[in-house]
């Protein structure tokens, strides 16, 4: 069984899925704006919700930091930019792929 964890690299604007210490997938992400930056630190995925509606796109994965999550988007052109209120935005197809791989409880490390 894979031992997945997620590293979000804010400077690269990339989300890396690791199995142990090996990167198995990488995805481009949109991150928080200057005034509403994505918080760095160690968190875990505490809930998952398909089709949350509105700006959250096709899927929501909530982090152990309240009000923050990894989610899809209804604005694909925002990916790769500093656009959100602190959440990590992914293309809908990418967030669906990621959510199918990682269970609740997966560790998420966000680094500058």
Protein backbone atom coordinates (compact mmCIF):
# COMPACT_ATOMS: atom_id res chain seq x y z
CA UNK A 1 0.00 0.00 0.00
CA UNK A 2 1.44 3.39 -0.92
CA UNK A 3 2.53 5.80 1.79
CA UNK A 4 1.34 9.04 0.21
CA UNK A 5 2.06 12.55 1.40
CA UNK A 6 1.72 15.92 -0.28
CA UNK A 7 4.23 18.74 -0.50
CA UNK A 8 3.06 22.10 -1.79
CA UNK A 9 5.95 24.27 -2.95
CA UNK A 10 4.69 27.85 -2.99
CA UNK A 11 7.69 29.32 -4.81
CA UNK A 12 7.35 26.73 -7.59
CA UNK A 13 3.53 26.86 -7.49
CA UNK A 14 3.56 23.07 -7.64
CA UNK A 15 1.90 20.34 -5.64
CA UNK A 16 3.96 17.16 -5.40
CA UNK A 17 2.49 13.78 -4.48
CA UNK A 18 5.09 11.59 -2.83
CA UNK A 19 5.04 7.89 -2.04
CA UNK A 20 7.58 7.67 0.77
CA UNK A 21 10.35 9.96 -0.45
CA UNK A 22 9.73 9.56 -4.18
CA UNK A 23 7.69 12.10 -6.16
CA UNK A 24 5.09 10.17 -8.15
CA UNK A 25 3.03 13.07 -9.54
CA UNK A 26 3.35 16.85 -9.72
CA UNK A 27 0.58 19.34 -10.49
CA UNK A 28 0.54 23.10 -11.10
CA UNK A 29 -1.42 25.05 -8.48
CA UNK A 30 -2.77 28.52 -7.79
CA UNK A 31 -1.90 29.91 -4.36
CA UNK A 32 -2.81 32.73 -2.02
CA UNK A 33 -2.41 36.40 -2.88
CA UNK A 34 0.08 38.66 -1.14
CA UNK A 35 -2.53 39.80 1.40
CA UNK A 36 -4.08 36.35 1.88
CA UNK A 37 -1.08 34.07 1.61
CA UNK A 38 -1.26 30.32 1.73
CA UNK A 39 -0.15 29.30 5.24
CA UNK A 40 3.06 27.30 5.47
CA UNK A 41 3.37 24.36 7.84
CA UNK A 42 2.29 20.78 8.34
CA UNK A 43 -1.36 19.79 8.08
CA UNK A 44 -3.50 16.76 7.26
CA UNK A 45 -6.50 16.26 4.99
CA UNK A 46 -9.51 16.05 7.32
CA UNK A 47 -12.43 15.85 4.87
CA UNK A 48 -13.28 15.38 1.21
CA UNK A 49 -16.30 16.62 -0.70
CA UNK A 50 -17.13 16.12 -4.37
CA UNK A 51 -18.84 18.98 -6.21
CA UNK A 52 -18.75 21.57 -3.38
CA UNK A 53 -20.02 24.21 -5.81
CA UNK A 54 -19.06 27.80 -6.53
CA UNK A 55 -15.40 28.66 -6.93
CA UNK A 56 -14.23 25.32 -5.48
CA UNK A 57 -14.66 23.41 -8.73
CA UNK A 58 -15.07 19.65 -8.88
CA UNK A 59 -13.67 18.65 -5.48
CA UNK A 60 -12.71 19.96 -2.03
CA UNK A 61 -10.18 18.45 0.38
CA UNK A 62 -10.20 20.31 3.68
CA UNK A 63 -7.00 20.77 5.68
CA UNK A 64 -6.56 20.60 9.44
CA UNK A 65 -6.15 24.40 9.35
CA UNK A 66 -9.77 25.62 9.43
CA UNK A 67 -11.09 27.27 6.23
CA UNK A 68 -8.13 26.10 4.12
CA UNK A 69 -8.11 23.34 1.57
CA UNK A 70 -6.98 21.92 -1.72
CA UNK A 71 -9.70 22.30 -4.33
CA UNK A 72 -10.61 22.58 -7.97
CA UNK A 73 -11.55 25.84 -9.65
CA UNK A 74 -14.18 27.37 -11.90
CA UNK A 75 -11.41 29.65 -13.27
CA UNK A 76 -8.71 27.46 -14.86
CA UNK A 77 -6.70 30.52 -15.98
CA UNK A 78 -5.93 31.21 -12.30
CA UNK A 79 -3.71 28.13 -11.97
CA UNK A 80 -0.05 29.05 -11.58
CA UNK A 81 -0.82 32.46 -10.10
CA UNK A 82 -1.21 34.14 -6.70
CA UNK A 83 -4.98 34.44 -6.76
CA UNK A 84 -6.72 32.70 -3.87
CA UNK A 85 -7.60 33.65 -0.31
CA UNK A 86 -5.02 31.13 0.88
CA UNK A 87 -6.34 27.86 -0.48
CA UNK A 88 -4.49 25.69 -2.96
CA UNK A 89 -6.27 25.63 -6.33
CA UNK A 90 -5.87 22.88 -8.88
CA UNK A 91 -7.27 22.12 -12.31
CA UNK A 92 -10.50 20.13 -11.81
CA UNK A 93 -9.11 17.06 -13.59
CA UNK A 94 -5.97 17.20 -11.40
CA UNK A 95 -7.87 17.54 -8.11
CA UNK A 96 -10.07 14.59 -9.08
CA UNK A 97 -6.96 12.51 -9.84
CA UNK A 98 -5.31 13.53 -6.57
CA UNK A 99 -8.43 12.97 -4.46
CA UNK A 100 -8.82 9.45 -5.86
CA UNK A 101 -5.29 8.62 -4.67
CA UNK A 102 -5.00 10.19 -1.22
CA UNK A 103 -7.11 9.18 1.78
CA UNK A 104 -8.32 11.38 4.61
CA UNK A 105 -5.43 11.67 7.04
CA UNK A 106 -2.83 12.26 4.31
CA UNK A 107 -0.07 14.62 5.49
CA UNK A 108 0.23 17.93 3.65
CA UNK A 109 3.38 20.06 4.02
CA UNK A 110 3.24 23.61 2.65
CA UNK A 111 6.63 25.21 2.24
CA UNK A 112 7.62 28.72 1.09
